[in-house]
Amino acid sequence: MKLLKIAENVGEFQAVDGQYRTVDEITKDDLLRLVDRTLFEDDVEFDPYDEKSLKNQAHQVIYKSVLQKLQDLRNRRREFVDESARLFLEDYQRYREPP
């Protein structure tokens, strides 16, 4: 599933409704959803950044930044998930065990 794509010289992201919207409309909630999907779904794809394909300079900056962050997260997702689990393991065990 493609989360970021370049179409008709415009950077786009997949919104919650499955439709694509321009990257200059992205919100904090959209970013959190993209991060979640990048971490926990295996079939995530992104179009590579291509400055020549993106005519709008704002789209270039936003698309490149979001793409780099999501790709880095994708490459380090196992490490991130393991670290998150360790942070909450002690609390989980404390509440799971009867007093």
N, C-alpha and C. Protein backbone atom coordinates (compact mmCIF):
# COMPACT_ATOMS: atom_id res chain seq x y z
N MET A 1 0.85 -1.16 0.00
CA MET A 1 0.00 0.00 0.00
C MET A 1 0.90 1.24 0.00
N LYS A 2 0.66 2.13 -0.92
CA LYS A 2 1.49 3.32 -1.08
C LYS A 2 0.99 4.44 -0.19
N LEU A 3 1.83 4.85 0.77
CA LEU A 3 1.45 5.92 1.68
C LEU A 3 1.82 7.29 1.14
N LEU A 4 2.93 7.37 0.41
CA LEU A 4 3.35 8.62 -0.21
C LEU A 4 3.57 8.37 -1.70
N LYS A 5 3.08 9.29 -2.52
CA LYS A 5 3.29 9.14 -3.95
C LYS A 5 3.39 10.51 -4.61
N ILE A 6 3.98 10.48 -5.80
CA ILE A 6 4.07 11.68 -6.62
C ILE A 6 3.22 11.42 -7.86
N ALA A 7 2.23 12.30 -8.05
CA ALA A 7 1.32 12.15 -9.20
C ALA A 7 1.05 13.52 -9.80
N GLU A 8 1.23 13.62 -11.09
CA GLU A 8 0.97 14.87 -11.81
C GLU A 8 1.72 16.04 -11.18
N ASN A 9 3.00 15.82 -10.88
CA ASN A 9 3.90 16.84 -10.33
C ASN A 9 3.50 17.34 -8.94
N VAL A 10 2.75 16.52 -8.18
CA VAL A 10 2.28 16.89 -6.85
C VAL A 10 2.61 15.76 -5.88
N GLY A 11 3.11 16.12 -4.69
CA GLY A 11 3.33 15.14 -3.64
C GLY A 11 2.03 14.87 -2.92
N GLU A 12 1.73 13.59 -2.70
CA GLU A 12 0.47 13.21 -2.06
C GLU A 12 0.71 12.16 -0.98
N PHE A 13 -0.18 12.13 0.00
CA PHE A 13 -0.17 11.12 1.05
C PHE A 13 -1.55 10.46 1.09
N GLN A 14 -1.59 9.23 1.57
CA GLN A 14 -2.87 8.54 1.68
C GLN A 14 -3.56 8.96 2.97
N ALA A 15 -4.73 9.54 2.84
CA ALA A 15 -5.50 10.01 3.99
C ALA A 15 -6.25 8.85 4.63
N VAL A 16 -6.88 9.12 5.75
CA VAL A 16 -7.58 8.09 6.52
C VAL A 16 -8.71 7.44 5.71
N ASP A 17 -9.30 8.17 4.79
CA ASP A 17 -10.38 7.62 3.97
C ASP A 17 -9.88 6.85 2.76
N GLY A 18 -8.56 6.71 2.61
CA GLY A 18 -7.99 5.96 1.50
C GLY A 18 -7.72 6.82 0.26
N GLN A 19 -8.22 8.02 0.26
CA GLN A 19 -7.99 8.94 -0.85
C GLN A 19 -6.63 9.61 -0.66
N TYR A 20 -6.08 10.13 -1.75
CA TYR A 20 -4.81 10.84 -1.67
C TYR A 20 -5.06 12.34 -1.62
N ARG A 21 -4.31 12.99 -0.73
CA ARG A 21 -4.38 14.45 -0.59
C ARG A 21 -2.98 15.01 -0.73
N THR A 22 -2.88 16.28 -1.08
CA THR A 22 -1.57 16.88 -1.27
C THR A 22 -0.84 17.01 0.06
N VAL A 23 0.48 16.90 0.02
CA VAL A 23 1.27 16.89 1.25
C VAL A 23 1.19 18.21 2.01
N ASP A 24 0.82 19.27 1.36
CA ASP A 24 0.71 20.54 2.09
C ASP A 24 -0.55 20.59 2.96
N GLU A 25 -1.42 19.59 2.86
CA GLU A 25 -2.63 19.49 3.69
C GLU A 25 -2.45 18.53 4.86
N ILE A 26 -1.27 17.96 5.02
CA ILE A 26 -1.05 16.93 6.04
C ILE A 26 -1.16 17.54 7.44
N THR A 27 -1.81 16.79 8.33
CA THR A 27 -2.00 17.24 9.71
C THR A 27 -1.19 16.35 10.66
N LYS A 28 -1.15 16.73 11.91
CA LYS A 28 -0.48 15.93 12.93
C LYS A 28 -1.10 14.54 13.02
N ASP A 29 -2.42 14.47 12.98
CA ASP A 29 -3.10 13.17 13.03
C ASP A 29 -2.75 12.31 11.83
N ASP A 30 -2.63 12.92 10.66
CA ASP A 30 -2.24 12.19 9.45
C ASP A 30 -0.83 11.62 9.62
N LEU A 31 0.07 12.43 10.15
CA LEU A 31 1.45 11.97 10.37
C LEU A 31 1.50 10.81 11.35
N LEU A 32 0.74 10.91 12.43
CA LEU A 32 0.71 9.83 13.41
C LEU A 32 0.18 8.54 12.81
N ARG A 33 -0.83 8.66 11.96
CA ARG A 33 -1.39 7.47 11.30
C ARG A 33 -0.38 6.87 10.33
N LEU A 34 0.36 7.71 9.59
CA LEU A 34 1.38 7.22 8.67
C LEU A 34 2.51 6.53 9.44
N VAL A 35 2.89 7.08 10.57
CA VAL A 35 3.92 6.46 11.41
C VAL A 35 3.44 5.10 11.91
N ASP A 36 2.22 5.04 12.39
CA ASP A 36 1.65 3.79 12.88
C ASP A 36 1.63 2.72 11.79
N ARG A 37 1.19 3.11 10.62
CA ARG A 37 1.12 2.14 9.52
C ARG A 37 2.52 1.71 9.09
N THR A 38 3.47 2.65 9.11
CA THR A 38 4.85 2.32 8.74
C THR A 38 5.45 1.33 9.72
N LEU A 39 5.14 1.49 10.99
CA LEU A 39 5.68 0.60 12.02
C LEU A 39 5.04 -0.79 12.00
N PHE A 40 3.75 -0.86 11.76
CA PHE A 40 3.04 -2.11 12.01
C PHE A 40 2.47 -2.82 10.79
N GLU A 41 2.64 -2.27 9.61
CA GLU A 41 2.17 -2.93 8.40
C GLU A 41 3.36 -3.25 7.50
N ASP A 42 3.33 -4.44 6.90
CA ASP A 42 4.45 -4.89 6.08
C ASP A 42 4.39 -4.41 4.63
N ASP A 43 3.23 -4.10 4.13
CA ASP A 43 3.08 -3.79 2.71
C ASP A 43 3.10 -2.30 2.39
N VAL A 44 3.83 -1.53 3.18
CA VAL A 44 3.88 -0.08 3.01
C VAL A 44 4.92 0.28 1.95
N GLU A 45 4.55 1.23 1.07
CA GLU A 45 5.45 1.69 0.02
C GLU A 45 5.43 3.21 -0.07
N PHE A 46 6.51 3.75 -0.63
CA PHE A 46 6.62 5.18 -0.86
C PHE A 46 7.25 5.40 -2.22
N ASP A 47 6.77 6.40 -2.96
CA ASP A 47 7.47 6.80 -4.18
C ASP A 47 8.76 7.49 -3.76
N PRO A 48 9.86 7.22 -4.46
CA PRO A 48 11.10 7.90 -4.12
C PRO A 48 11.00 9.40 -4.39
N TYR A 49 11.75 10.17 -3.65
CA TYR A 49 11.78 11.62 -3.83
C TYR A 49 12.45 11.94 -5.16
N ASP A 50 11.81 12.81 -5.94
CA ASP A 50 12.36 13.25 -7.21
C ASP A 50 12.04 14.73 -7.37
N GLU A 51 13.06 15.54 -7.18
CA GLU A 51 12.88 16.99 -7.21
C GLU A 51 12.29 17.46 -8.55
N LYS A 52 12.65 16.80 -9.62
CA LYS A 52 12.16 17.21 -10.95
C LYS A 52 10.67 16.90 -11.13
N SER A 53 10.20 15.88 -10.43
CA SER A 53 8.78 15.51 -10.55
C SER A 53 7.88 16.39 -9.71
N LEU A 54 8.43 17.01 -8.69
CA LEU A 54 7.65 17.89 -7.83
C LEU A 54 7.94 19.34 -8.20
N LYS A 55 6.98 19.99 -8.82
CA LYS A 55 7.18 21.36 -9.30
C LYS A 55 7.05 22.40 -8.19
N ASN A 56 6.21 22.14 -7.20
CA ASN A 56 5.96 23.08 -6.11
C ASN A 56 7.06 22.92 -5.06
N GLN A 57 7.74 24.03 -4.74
CA GLN A 57 8.85 23.97 -3.80
C GLN A 57 8.40 23.54 -2.40
N ALA A 58 7.23 23.96 -1.98
CA ALA A 58 6.70 23.54 -0.67
C ALA A 58 6.49 22.03 -0.65
N HIS A 59 5.97 21.48 -1.73
CA HIS A 59 5.77 20.03 -1.82
C HIS A 59 7.10 19.31 -1.77
N GLN A 60 8.13 19.88 -2.40
CA GLN A 60 9.46 19.27 -2.37
C GLN A 60 9.96 19.15 -0.93
N VAL A 61 9.87 20.23 -0.19
CA VAL A 61 10.37 20.26 1.19
C VAL A 61 9.58 19.30 2.08
N ILE A 62 8.27 19.37 2.02
CA ILE A 62 7.41 18.54 2.87
C ILE A 62 7.56 17.06 2.51
N TYR A 63 7.46 16.75 1.23
CA TYR A 63 7.54 15.35 0.78
C TYR A 63 8.88 14.74 1.18
N LYS A 64 9.96 15.46 0.91
CA LYS A 64 11.30 14.94 1.22
C LYS A 64 11.46 14.69 2.71
N SER A 65 11.00 15.63 3.53
CA SER A 65 11.13 15.49 4.97
C SER A 65 10.31 14.31 5.50
N VAL A 66 9.06 14.23 5.12
CA VAL A 66 8.19 13.14 5.59
C VAL A 66 8.72 11.80 5.09
N LEU A 67 9.14 11.74 3.84
CA LEU A 67 9.67 10.50 3.27
C LEU A 67 10.90 10.03 4.03
N GLN A 68 11.84 10.93 4.30
CA GLN A 68 13.06 10.55 5.02
C GLN A 68 12.74 10.02 6.41
N LYS A 69 11.83 10.68 7.11
CA LYS A 69 11.48 10.24 8.46
C LYS A 69 10.81 8.87 8.44
N LEU A 70 9.88 8.67 7.51
CA LEU A 70 9.18 7.39 7.45
C LEU A 70 10.11 6.26 7.01
N GLN A 71 11.02 6.54 6.08
CA GLN A 71 11.97 5.51 5.65
C GLN A 71 12.91 5.14 6.79
N ASP A 72 13.38 6.14 7.54
CA ASP A 72 14.24 5.87 8.68
C ASP A 72 13.51 5.03 9.73
N LEU A 73 12.27 5.39 9.99
CA LEU A 73 11.46 4.64 10.93
C LEU A 73 11.26 3.21 10.43
N ARG A 74 11.00 3.07 9.15
CA ARG A 74 10.79 1.74 8.55
C ARG A 74 12.04 0.88 8.71
N ASN A 75 13.20 1.49 8.50
CA ASN A 75 14.46 0.76 8.62
C ASN A 75 14.78 0.38 10.06
N ARG A 76 14.28 1.17 11.00
CA ARG A 76 14.57 0.92 12.41
C ARG A 76 13.35 0.42 13.18
N ARG A 77 12.34 -0.04 12.50
CA ARG A 77 11.08 -0.36 13.18
C ARG A 77 11.21 -1.48 14.19
N ARG A 78 11.99 -2.51 13.91
CA ARG A 78 12.15 -3.61 14.87
C ARG A 78 12.77 -3.07 16.16
N GLU A 79 13.80 -2.26 16.02
CA GLU A 79 14.45 -1.65 17.18
C GLU A 79 13.47 -0.79 17.96
N PHE A 80 12.67 -0.01 17.27
CA PHE A 80 11.70 0.88 17.91
C PHE A 80 10.63 0.09 18.66
N VAL A 81 10.09 -0.93 18.03
CA VAL A 81 9.05 -1.76 18.66
C VAL A 81 9.61 -2.48 19.88
N ASP A 82 10.83 -3.03 19.78
CA ASP A 82 11.45 -3.71 20.92
C ASP A 82 11.69 -2.75 22.08
N GLU A 83 12.17 -1.56 21.77
CA GLU A 83 12.43 -0.57 22.82
C GLU A 83 11.14 -0.14 23.50
N SER A 84 10.08 0.04 22.73
CA SER A 84 8.79 0.41 23.30
C SER A 84 8.27 -0.69 24.21
N ALA A 85 8.43 -1.93 23.81
CA ALA A 85 7.98 -3.05 24.63
C ALA A 85 8.75 -3.11 25.94
N ARG A 86 10.06 -2.87 25.90
CA ARG A 86 10.87 -2.89 27.13
C ARG A 86 10.44 -1.79 28.09
N LEU A 87 10.08 -0.63 27.56
CA LEU A 87 9.68 0.48 28.42
C LEU A 87 8.45 0.15 29.25
N PHE A 88 7.55 -0.64 28.69
CA PHE A 88 6.30 -0.93 29.38
C PHE A 88 6.23 -2.33 29.99
N LEU A 89 7.29 -3.11 29.83
CA LEU A 89 7.29 -4.49 30.31
C LEU A 89 7.14 -4.55 31.83
N GLU A 90 7.88 -3.74 32.55
CA GLU A 90 7.81 -3.77 34.01
C GLU A 90 6.40 -3.44 34.51
N ASP A 91 5.81 -2.39 33.97
CA ASP A 91 4.44 -2.02 34.37
C ASP A 91 3.44 -3.11 33.98
N TYR A 92 3.62 -3.68 32.82
CA TYR A 92 2.72 -4.73 32.35
C TYR A 92 2.78 -5.92 33.31
N GLN A 93 3.98 -6.32 33.69
CA GLN A 93 4.13 -7.47 34.58
C GLN A 93 3.57 -7.16 35.97
N ARG A 94 3.75 -5.95 36.42
CA ARG A 94 3.25 -5.57 37.75
C ARG A 94 1.73 -5.66 37.80
N TYR A 95 1.05 -5.21 36.77
CA TYR A 95 -0.42 -5.21 36.77
C TYR A 95 -1.00 -6.57 36.36
N ARG A 96 -0.23 -7.37 35.69
CA ARG A 96 -0.70 -8.67 35.26
C ARG A 96 -0.71 -9.68 36.40
N GLU A 97 0.28 -9.58 37.27
CA GLU A 97 0.40 -10.53 38.36
C GLU A 97 -0.53 -10.15 39.51
N PRO A 98 -1.20 -11.13 40.11
CA PRO A 98 -2.09 -10.84 41.24
C PRO A 98 -1.28 -10.41 42.46
N PRO A 99 -1.82 -9.56 43.31
CA PRO A 99 -1.10 -9.07 44.52
C PRO A 99 -0.85 -10.14 45.54
